[in-house]
Amino acid sequence: MKLEKNHRRTIRKLGIGYLIGYFQYRQTRWIQNWFSQSEEENILQIRLNGYLKQIGNMISLIKFKYLSFVFVYFICFVSITNSLQAETDSKYTGPIARSEKRILDGKLEYEKTGNFPLEWKLYFKAKQGDFVVFYDLNGDEIHFRYRRNKFDLDGELFVKDLFIGNPYLVKGEWIGYYFYAVDERGKRSSLPTPKKLPGEKKEIIERQTIPIFQLKEYTEIRTDDLFY
């Protein structure tokens, strides 16, 4: 009887020991799995952080390149604008003063007094057939006849010292004008009609009308001339 009780106690101890061992085993496995899982998550997290950092670097690089492009474009735009402004200003700050009379002023003078100015400070533009073309600060033109025809060698010799863009004091005799007629529909002709004096006052004073002179003499205007 006593032996049977001891046997039962032994079995109970073995069973309890087995359960304790089993639970310890399961606990160990759970801890191992937890650390293993945490390690994998850490690795994934590290990789994810690496990818995010690379993406951030790429975005920063794109932003830098974009800002660099915008900056370079802005610098180029400012440089071109300043260059164009300087080029434009040079037309108005050269040897011919802003206050110098212009072709429109000459037309107004003719309208009031009947006299058209015969002396002008103008820039040389080009040769056109038997004429040399000059323009004022507004861009309006006067055509000066310098030769009788293409065989007039003396006329060619007379204007040999003219250079495009240079300012000149030009004198001549007013002999006519180019008039751009307007048809019945109100459309202005693209080809001018040459007319001799006396002509019609209302045609002469129109903005599009180009005076025609016989060239008498011209003198280049130099910067030094402005101080005397």
Protein backbone atom coordinates (compact mmCIF):
# COMPACT_ATOMS: atom_id res chain seq x y z
CA MET A 1 0.00 0.00 0.00
CA LYS A 2 2.76 2.32 0.95
CA LEU A 3 4.68 1.39 -2.15
CA GLU A 4 1.69 2.24 -4.30
CA LYS A 5 1.43 5.71 -2.72
CA ASN A 6 5.13 6.34 -3.36
CA HIS A 7 4.67 5.21 -6.93
CA ARG A 8 1.81 7.62 -7.40
CA ARG A 9 3.84 10.48 -5.93
CA THR A 10 6.69 9.67 -8.26
CA ILE A 11 4.34 9.69 -11.24
CA ARG A 12 2.91 13.01 -10.15
CA LYS A 13 6.39 14.52 -9.76
CA LEU A 14 7.37 13.21 -13.15
CA GLY A 15 4.20 14.63 -14.69
CA ILE A 16 4.66 17.99 -13.05
CA GLY A 17 8.32 17.99 -14.07
CA TYR A 18 7.32 17.11 -17.61
CA LEU A 19 4.77 19.93 -17.73
CA ILE A 20 7.27 22.39 -16.29
CA GLY A 21 9.86 21.26 -18.80
CA TYR A 22 7.35 21.52 -21.62
CA PHE A 23 6.31 25.02 -20.64
CA GLN A 24 9.95 26.05 -20.28
CA TYR A 25 10.63 24.63 -23.73
CA ARG A 26 7.67 26.48 -25.22
CA GLN A 27 8.71 29.67 -23.46
CA THR A 28 12.24 29.33 -24.81
CA ARG A 29 10.93 28.78 -28.33
CA TRP A 30 8.57 31.75 -28.04
CA ILE A 31 11.40 33.98 -26.83
CA GLN A 32 13.62 32.76 -29.66
CA ASN A 33 10.86 33.36 -32.18
CA TRP A 34 10.21 36.81 -30.74
CA PHE A 35 13.90 37.78 -30.97
CA SER A 36 14.13 36.24 -34.43
CA GLN A 37 11.08 38.16 -35.57
CA SER A 38 12.38 41.36 -34.02
CA GLU A 39 15.70 40.89 -35.79
CA GLU A 40 13.96 40.44 -39.16
CA GLU A 41 11.81 43.48 -38.51
CA ASN A 42 14.91 45.43 -37.58
CA ILE A 43 16.58 44.36 -40.80
CA LEU A 44 13.50 45.35 -42.79
CA GLN A 45 13.33 48.63 -40.94
CA ILE A 46 17.01 49.29 -41.64
CA ARG A 47 16.51 48.49 -45.33
CA LEU A 48 13.40 50.66 -45.47
CA ASN A 49 15.27 53.54 -43.86
CA GLY A 50 18.05 53.06 -46.40
CA TYR A 51 15.57 53.22 -49.29
CA LEU A 52 13.88 56.28 -47.82
CA LYS A 53 17.26 57.95 -47.42
CA GLN A 54 18.14 57.19 -51.05
CA ILE A 55 14.79 58.59 -52.18
CA GLY A 56 15.37 61.68 -50.05
CA ASN A 57 18.81 62.15 -51.60
CA MET A 58 17.34 61.79 -55.07
CA ILE A 59 14.64 64.35 -54.30
CA SER A 60 17.25 66.72 -52.88
CA LEU A 61 19.38 66.25 -56.01
CA ILE A 62 16.38 66.91 -58.26
CA LYS A 63 15.51 70.01 -56.26
CA PHE A 64 19.11 71.22 -56.48
CA LYS A 65 19.25 70.66 -60.24
CA TYR A 66 15.89 72.36 -60.69
CA LEU A 67 16.89 75.33 -58.57
CA SER A 68 20.22 75.49 -60.40
CA PHE A 69 18.40 75.51 -63.74
CA VAL A 70 16.03 78.23 -62.55
CA PHE A 71 18.96 80.27 -61.22
CA VAL A 72 20.95 79.93 -64.46
CA TYR A 73 17.86 80.76 -66.52
CA PHE A 74 17.22 83.83 -64.36
CA ILE A 75 20.83 85.01 -64.73
CA CYS A 76 20.68 84.52 -68.51
CA PHE A 77 17.34 86.35 -68.69
CA VAL A 78 18.68 89.28 -66.67
CA SER A 79 21.86 89.42 -68.77
CA ILE A 80 19.95 89.36 -72.06
CA THR A 81 17.46 91.93 -70.78
CA ASN A 82 20.26 94.24 -69.66
CA SER A 83 22.04 93.77 -72.97
CA LEU A 84 18.90 94.59 -74.96
CA GLN A 85 18.19 97.53 -72.69
CA ALA A 86 21.71 98.81 -73.14
CA GLU A 87 21.42 98.37 -76.90
CA THR A 88 18.11 100.22 -76.90
CA ASP A 89 19.41 102.99 -74.69
CA SER A 90 22.46 103.44 -76.89
CA LYS A 91 20.16 104.65 -79.69
CA TYR A 92 19.03 107.48 -77.48
CA THR A 93 22.21 108.37 -75.60
CA GLY A 94 24.55 108.55 -78.57
CA PRO A 95 25.92 111.66 -80.30
CA ILE A 96 22.41 112.79 -81.31
CA ALA A 97 20.62 114.28 -78.31
CA ARG A 98 17.05 113.42 -77.37
CA SER A 99 16.10 117.05 -77.75
CA GLU A 100 17.20 117.13 -81.40
CA LYS A 101 14.31 117.73 -83.81
CA ARG A 102 12.84 114.69 -85.50
CA ILE A 103 11.05 114.22 -88.79
CA LEU A 104 7.64 114.51 -87.12
CA ASP A 105 8.76 117.87 -85.73
CA GLY A 106 9.70 118.93 -89.25
CA LYS A 107 6.23 117.99 -90.52
CA LEU A 108 4.60 119.98 -87.71
CA GLU A 109 6.81 122.96 -88.59
CA TYR A 110 5.78 122.65 -92.23
CA GLU A 111 2.12 122.45 -91.24
CA LYS A 112 2.39 125.68 -89.23
CA THR A 113 4.82 127.72 -91.32
CA GLY A 114 4.94 126.08 -94.74
CA ASN A 115 8.70 125.57 -94.38
CA PHE A 116 10.34 122.18 -94.10
CA PRO A 117 13.72 122.00 -92.28
CA LEU A 118 16.68 121.47 -94.63
CA GLU A 119 19.29 120.46 -92.05
CA TRP A 120 19.06 117.25 -90.01
CA LYS A 121 20.99 115.17 -87.49
CA LEU A 122 20.31 111.59 -88.51
CA TYR A 123 21.74 108.08 -88.53
CA PHE A 124 22.76 106.46 -91.80
CA LYS A 125 20.76 103.32 -92.62
CA ALA A 126 21.66 102.09 -96.10
CA LYS A 127 21.71 102.75 -99.82
CA GLN A 128 18.53 102.12 -101.79
CA GLY A 129 18.92 102.55 -105.51
CA ASP A 130 19.80 106.17 -106.23
CA PHE A 131 19.15 107.19 -102.62
CA VAL A 132 20.87 107.07 -99.26
CA VAL A 133 18.48 106.52 -96.36
CA PHE A 134 18.79 108.22 -92.98
CA TYR A 135 16.61 107.80 -89.89
CA ASP A 136 15.94 109.77 -86.72
CA LEU A 137 15.53 108.69 -83.09
CA ASN A 138 11.93 107.65 -83.79
CA GLY A 139 12.99 105.42 -86.66
CA ASP A 140 11.33 107.67 -89.26
CA GLU A 141 13.26 108.07 -92.52
CA ILE A 142 14.36 110.68 -95.04
CA HIS A 143 15.62 109.57 -98.46
CA PHE A 144 18.40 111.65 -100.00
CA ARG A 145 19.06 111.35 -103.73
CA TYR A 146 22.84 111.21 -104.24
CA ARG A 147 23.20 110.21 -107.92
CA ARG A 148 21.42 110.65 -111.25
CA ASN A 149 21.55 106.94 -112.12
CA LYS A 150 23.66 103.84 -111.58
CA PHE A 151 26.31 105.13 -114.00
CA ASP A 152 26.90 108.27 -111.93
CA LEU A 153 30.38 107.53 -110.54
CA ASP A 154 30.73 110.99 -109.03
CA GLY A 155 27.66 110.33 -106.91
CA GLU A 156 29.14 107.05 -105.66
CA LEU A 157 32.36 108.81 -104.78
CA PHE A 158 30.37 111.48 -102.94
CA VAL A 159 28.84 109.02 -100.44
CA LYS A 160 31.79 106.64 -100.05
CA ASP A 161 32.47 107.85 -96.49
CA LEU A 162 29.03 106.94 -95.14
CA PHE A 163 28.98 104.09 -92.62
CA ILE A 164 25.86 102.29 -91.47
CA GLY A 165 24.74 103.33 -87.99
CA ASN A 166 26.94 106.42 -87.77
CA PRO A 167 25.35 109.82 -86.99
CA TYR A 168 25.60 112.66 -89.50
CA LEU A 169 24.65 116.26 -89.91
CA VAL A 170 22.93 116.11 -93.31
CA LYS A 171 21.91 119.01 -95.51
CA GLY A 172 19.88 118.91 -98.68
CA GLU A 173 17.17 120.37 -100.88
CA TRP A 174 13.63 119.19 -100.35
CA ILE A 175 12.30 117.94 -103.69
CA GLY A 176 9.37 115.64 -102.93
CA TYR A 177 8.00 112.77 -100.83
CA TYR A 178 6.82 109.18 -100.86
CA PHE A 179 3.12 108.86 -100.14
CA TYR A 180 1.31 105.66 -99.13
CA ALA A 181 -2.16 106.02 -100.58
CA VAL A 182 -5.33 104.75 -98.92
CA ASP A 183 -7.96 102.98 -101.05
CA GLU A 184 -11.75 103.23 -100.76
CA ARG A 185 -11.77 100.43 -98.15
CA GLY A 186 -9.43 102.41 -95.93
CA LYS A 187 -6.49 100.07 -96.56
CA ARG A 188 -3.11 101.73 -96.96
CA SER A 189 -0.93 100.69 -99.89
CA SER A 190 2.26 98.80 -99.15
CA LEU A 191 4.02 100.52 -102.08
CA PRO A 192 4.64 104.26 -101.89
CA THR A 193 3.97 106.69 -104.70
CA PRO A 194 6.77 109.24 -105.33
CA LYS A 195 5.45 112.78 -105.64
CA LYS A 196 7.13 116.07 -106.48
CA LEU A 197 6.57 119.38 -104.76
CA PRO A 198 4.48 121.31 -104.11
CA GLY A 199 2.24 118.31 -103.41
CA GLU A 200 -0.61 118.31 -100.90
CA LYS A 201 -0.10 119.44 -97.34
CA LYS A 202 -2.37 116.75 -95.84
CA GLU A 203 -0.26 114.06 -97.55
CA ILE A 204 3.06 115.59 -96.54
CA ILE A 205 2.25 115.78 -92.83
CA GLU A 206 1.05 112.17 -92.53
CA ARG A 207 3.17 109.94 -90.30
CA GLN A 208 3.82 107.37 -93.05
CA THR A 209 4.97 109.95 -95.61
CA ILE A 210 8.74 109.87 -96.31
CA PRO A 211 10.39 113.16 -97.34
CA ILE A 212 12.73 113.09 -100.36
CA PHE A 213 15.77 115.38 -100.52
CA GLN A 214 18.57 116.09 -102.93
CA LEU A 215 21.76 115.45 -100.94
CA LYS A 216 24.00 118.51 -100.72
CA GLU A 217 26.47 117.69 -97.97
CA TYR A 218 26.95 115.58 -94.88
CA THR A 219 29.32 115.63 -91.91
CA GLU A 220 29.86 112.88 -89.41
CA ILE A 221 28.93 113.85 -85.86
CA ARG A 222 31.67 113.00 -83.39
CA THR A 223 31.42 112.74 -79.62
CA ASP A 224 33.79 115.67 -79.17
CA ASP A 225 31.32 117.87 -81.05
CA LEU A 226 28.88 117.61 -78.14
CA PHE A 227 31.16 119.60 -75.85
CA TYR A 228 31.58 122.61 -78.10
